[in-house]
N, C-alpha and C. Protein backbone atom coordinates (compact mmCIF):
# COMPACT_ATOMS: atom_id res chain seq x y z
N UNK A 1 -81.38 -62.92 84.96
CA UNK A 1 -80.83 -62.22 86.11
C UNK A 1 -79.41 -62.70 86.41
N UNK A 2 -79.19 -64.01 86.31
CA UNK A 2 -77.86 -64.54 86.58
C UNK A 2 -76.84 -64.04 85.57
N UNK A 3 -77.25 -63.92 84.31
CA UNK A 3 -76.32 -63.46 83.29
C UNK A 3 -75.95 -62.00 83.52
N UNK A 4 -76.92 -61.20 83.96
CA UNK A 4 -76.65 -59.79 84.24
C UNK A 4 -75.70 -59.67 85.42
N UNK A 5 -75.95 -60.43 86.46
CA UNK A 5 -75.08 -60.38 87.64
C UNK A 5 -73.68 -60.86 87.30
N UNK A 6 -73.56 -61.90 86.52
CA UNK A 6 -72.25 -62.40 86.12
C UNK A 6 -71.51 -61.37 85.26
N UNK A 7 -72.24 -60.69 84.39
CA UNK A 7 -71.63 -59.66 83.56
C UNK A 7 -71.12 -58.49 84.38
N UNK A 8 -71.91 -58.09 85.37
CA UNK A 8 -71.51 -56.97 86.22
C UNK A 8 -70.28 -57.36 87.03
N UNK A 9 -70.23 -58.59 87.52
CA UNK A 9 -69.09 -59.02 88.33
C UNK A 9 -67.84 -59.23 87.48
N UNK A 10 -67.98 -59.62 86.24
CA UNK A 10 -66.82 -59.91 85.40
C UNK A 10 -66.28 -58.66 84.70
N UNK A 11 -67.06 -57.58 84.64
CA UNK A 11 -66.60 -56.38 83.94
C UNK A 11 -65.31 -55.80 84.54
N UNK A 12 -65.18 -55.64 85.87
CA UNK A 12 -63.92 -55.08 86.38
C UNK A 12 -62.71 -55.94 86.06
N UNK A 13 -62.91 -57.23 85.94
CA UNK A 13 -61.77 -58.09 85.64
C UNK A 13 -61.26 -57.88 84.22
N UNK A 14 -62.13 -57.46 83.33
CA UNK A 14 -61.71 -57.28 81.95
C UNK A 14 -61.31 -55.84 81.66
N UNK A 15 -61.49 -54.95 82.59
CA UNK A 15 -61.16 -53.54 82.37
C UNK A 15 -59.65 -53.33 82.39
N UNK A 16 -59.10 -52.64 81.40
CA UNK A 16 -57.65 -52.41 81.39
C UNK A 16 -57.18 -51.55 82.56
N UNK A 17 -58.01 -50.62 83.02
CA UNK A 17 -57.62 -49.79 84.15
C UNK A 17 -57.51 -50.62 85.42
N UNK A 18 -58.41 -51.56 85.57
CA UNK A 18 -58.36 -52.43 86.75
C UNK A 18 -57.11 -53.29 86.70
N UNK A 19 -56.77 -53.79 85.52
CA UNK A 19 -55.58 -54.63 85.38
C UNK A 19 -54.31 -53.82 85.67
N UNK A 20 -54.27 -52.56 85.24
CA UNK A 20 -53.10 -51.71 85.51
C UNK A 20 -52.98 -51.44 87.00
N UNK A 21 -54.09 -51.25 87.67
CA UNK A 21 -54.05 -51.01 89.11
C UNK A 21 -53.58 -52.25 89.85
N UNK A 22 -53.95 -53.42 89.35
CA UNK A 22 -53.52 -54.66 89.99
C UNK A 22 -52.01 -54.83 89.86
N UNK A 23 -51.45 -54.52 88.68
CA UNK A 23 -50.01 -54.65 88.49
C UNK A 23 -49.26 -53.63 89.34
N UNK A 24 -49.81 -52.42 89.42
CA UNK A 24 -49.18 -51.36 90.20
C UNK A 24 -49.22 -51.70 91.69
N UNK A 25 -50.32 -52.28 92.13
CA UNK A 25 -50.47 -52.63 93.53
C UNK A 25 -49.53 -53.75 93.95
N UNK A 26 -49.24 -54.66 93.05
CA UNK A 26 -48.37 -55.78 93.38
C UNK A 26 -46.92 -55.32 93.54
N UNK A 27 -46.52 -54.27 92.81
CA UNK A 27 -45.14 -53.81 92.85
C UNK A 27 -44.90 -52.81 93.97
N UNK A 28 -45.94 -52.25 94.54
CA UNK A 28 -45.76 -51.23 95.56
C UNK A 28 -45.42 -51.86 96.91
N UNK A 29 -44.89 -51.04 97.79
CA UNK A 29 -44.53 -51.51 99.13
C UNK A 29 -45.79 -51.75 99.95
N UNK A 30 -45.72 -52.64 100.92
CA UNK A 30 -46.90 -52.89 101.76
C UNK A 30 -47.27 -51.65 102.56
N UNK A 31 -48.54 -51.49 102.81
CA UNK A 31 -49.00 -50.32 103.55
C UNK A 31 -48.69 -50.49 105.04
N UNK A 32 -48.71 -49.36 105.74
CA UNK A 32 -48.43 -49.40 107.17
C UNK A 32 -49.60 -50.03 107.90
N UNK A 33 -49.31 -50.72 108.97
CA UNK A 33 -50.36 -51.36 109.74
C UNK A 33 -50.82 -50.42 110.86
N UNK A 34 -51.95 -50.74 111.44
CA UNK A 34 -52.48 -49.94 112.53
C UNK A 34 -52.28 -50.71 113.83
N UNK A 35 -52.31 -49.98 114.91
CA UNK A 35 -52.17 -50.60 116.22
C UNK A 35 -53.40 -51.44 116.51
N UNK A 36 -53.20 -52.52 117.25
CA UNK A 36 -54.31 -53.40 117.60
C UNK A 36 -55.35 -52.68 118.45
N UNK A 37 -54.93 -51.67 119.18
CA UNK A 37 -55.87 -50.90 120.01
C UNK A 37 -56.95 -50.26 119.14
N UNK A 38 -56.57 -49.71 117.99
CA UNK A 38 -57.54 -49.05 117.11
C UNK A 38 -58.47 -50.05 116.45
N UNK A 39 -57.98 -51.24 116.20
CA UNK A 39 -58.85 -52.29 115.65
C UNK A 39 -59.90 -52.68 116.68
N UNK A 40 -59.50 -52.81 117.93
CA UNK A 40 -60.44 -53.15 119.00
C UNK A 40 -61.43 -52.02 119.22
N UNK A 41 -60.96 -50.77 119.19
CA UNK A 41 -61.87 -49.62 119.34
C UNK A 41 -62.90 -49.63 118.22
N UNK A 42 -62.46 -49.86 116.98
CA UNK A 42 -63.39 -49.91 115.86
C UNK A 42 -64.40 -51.03 116.04
N UNK A 43 -63.95 -52.21 116.46
CA UNK A 43 -64.86 -53.35 116.62
C UNK A 43 -65.89 -53.08 117.71
N UNK A 44 -65.45 -52.48 118.82
CA UNK A 44 -66.40 -52.18 119.91
C UNK A 44 -67.43 -51.17 119.44
N UNK A 45 -67.01 -50.12 118.75
CA UNK A 45 -67.97 -49.12 118.26
C UNK A 45 -68.89 -49.72 117.22
N UNK A 46 -68.33 -50.49 116.28
CA UNK A 46 -69.13 -51.07 115.20
C UNK A 46 -70.20 -52.01 115.75
N UNK A 47 -69.79 -52.98 116.57
CA UNK A 47 -70.77 -53.93 117.09
C UNK A 47 -71.67 -53.29 118.14
N UNK A 48 -71.16 -52.29 118.85
CA UNK A 48 -71.99 -51.56 119.79
C UNK A 48 -73.12 -50.82 119.10
N UNK A 49 -72.84 -50.23 117.95
CA UNK A 49 -73.89 -49.54 117.20
C UNK A 49 -74.91 -50.52 116.64
N UNK A 50 -74.47 -51.69 116.23
CA UNK A 50 -75.41 -52.70 115.73
C UNK A 50 -76.33 -53.15 116.86
N UNK A 51 -75.75 -53.44 118.03
CA UNK A 51 -76.56 -53.86 119.18
C UNK A 51 -77.48 -52.73 119.60
N UNK A 52 -76.98 -51.50 119.62
CA UNK A 52 -77.81 -50.35 119.97
C UNK A 52 -78.98 -50.17 119.04
N UNK A 53 -78.78 -50.42 117.75
CA UNK A 53 -79.87 -50.31 116.78
C UNK A 53 -80.97 -51.32 117.07
N UNK A 54 -80.58 -52.56 117.37
CA UNK A 54 -81.59 -53.58 117.65
C UNK A 54 -82.27 -53.33 118.99
N UNK A 55 -81.56 -52.79 119.96
CA UNK A 55 -82.19 -52.42 121.23
C UNK A 55 -83.20 -51.30 120.99
N UNK A 56 -82.84 -50.34 120.16
CA UNK A 56 -83.77 -49.26 119.81
C UNK A 56 -85.01 -49.80 119.12
N UNK A 57 -84.85 -50.72 118.18
CA UNK A 57 -86.00 -51.32 117.51
C UNK A 57 -86.87 -52.08 118.50
N UNK A 58 -86.26 -52.83 119.40
CA UNK A 58 -87.01 -53.59 120.40
C UNK A 58 -87.76 -52.64 121.32
N UNK A 59 -87.12 -51.55 121.72
CA UNK A 59 -87.75 -50.59 122.64
C UNK A 59 -88.94 -49.88 121.98
N UNK A 60 -88.78 -49.46 120.73
CA UNK A 60 -89.89 -48.78 120.05
C UNK A 60 -91.04 -49.74 119.76
N UNK A 61 -90.71 -51.00 119.48
CA UNK A 61 -91.77 -51.99 119.23
C UNK A 61 -92.52 -52.30 120.51
N UNK A 62 -91.82 -52.35 121.62
CA UNK A 62 -92.44 -52.64 122.91
C UNK A 62 -93.37 -51.50 123.33
N UNK A 63 -93.01 -50.27 123.03
CA UNK A 63 -93.80 -49.11 123.46
C UNK A 63 -94.80 -48.63 122.40
N UNK A 64 -94.94 -49.36 121.31
CA UNK A 64 -95.88 -48.94 120.28
C UNK A 64 -97.30 -49.11 120.77
N UNK A 65 -98.12 -48.10 120.50
CA UNK A 65 -99.53 -48.18 120.89
C UNK A 65 -100.29 -48.95 119.83
N UNK A 66 -101.22 -49.80 120.23
CA UNK A 66 -101.99 -50.54 119.23
C UNK A 66 -102.88 -49.59 118.43
N UNK A 67 -102.89 -49.81 117.14
CA UNK A 67 -103.71 -48.94 116.27
C UNK A 67 -105.15 -49.42 116.29
N UNK A 68 -106.05 -48.47 116.31
CA UNK A 68 -107.48 -48.80 116.39
C UNK A 68 -108.09 -48.89 115.00
C-alpha cells in the first residue's frame, strides 16, 4: 500500500507537463489578490456550514425514535 501511495504521489513530479507548468508559473506575474472582506465572508460561510452540519446531526440524533 505504501509503495502504491508513494508512486501516485511521485507521478506528477516526474510528468513533463507538470514540469512545464511549474516553469511557466514561475515566470508569470503574480496573480491579483482579493479583498480581506471576501476572505472573511468565505471563512464565515465555510465554518458556519460546518457548524450547521453538526448541529443538524445533533438535532436529528436527539429526535430519533428508538427502534423496536
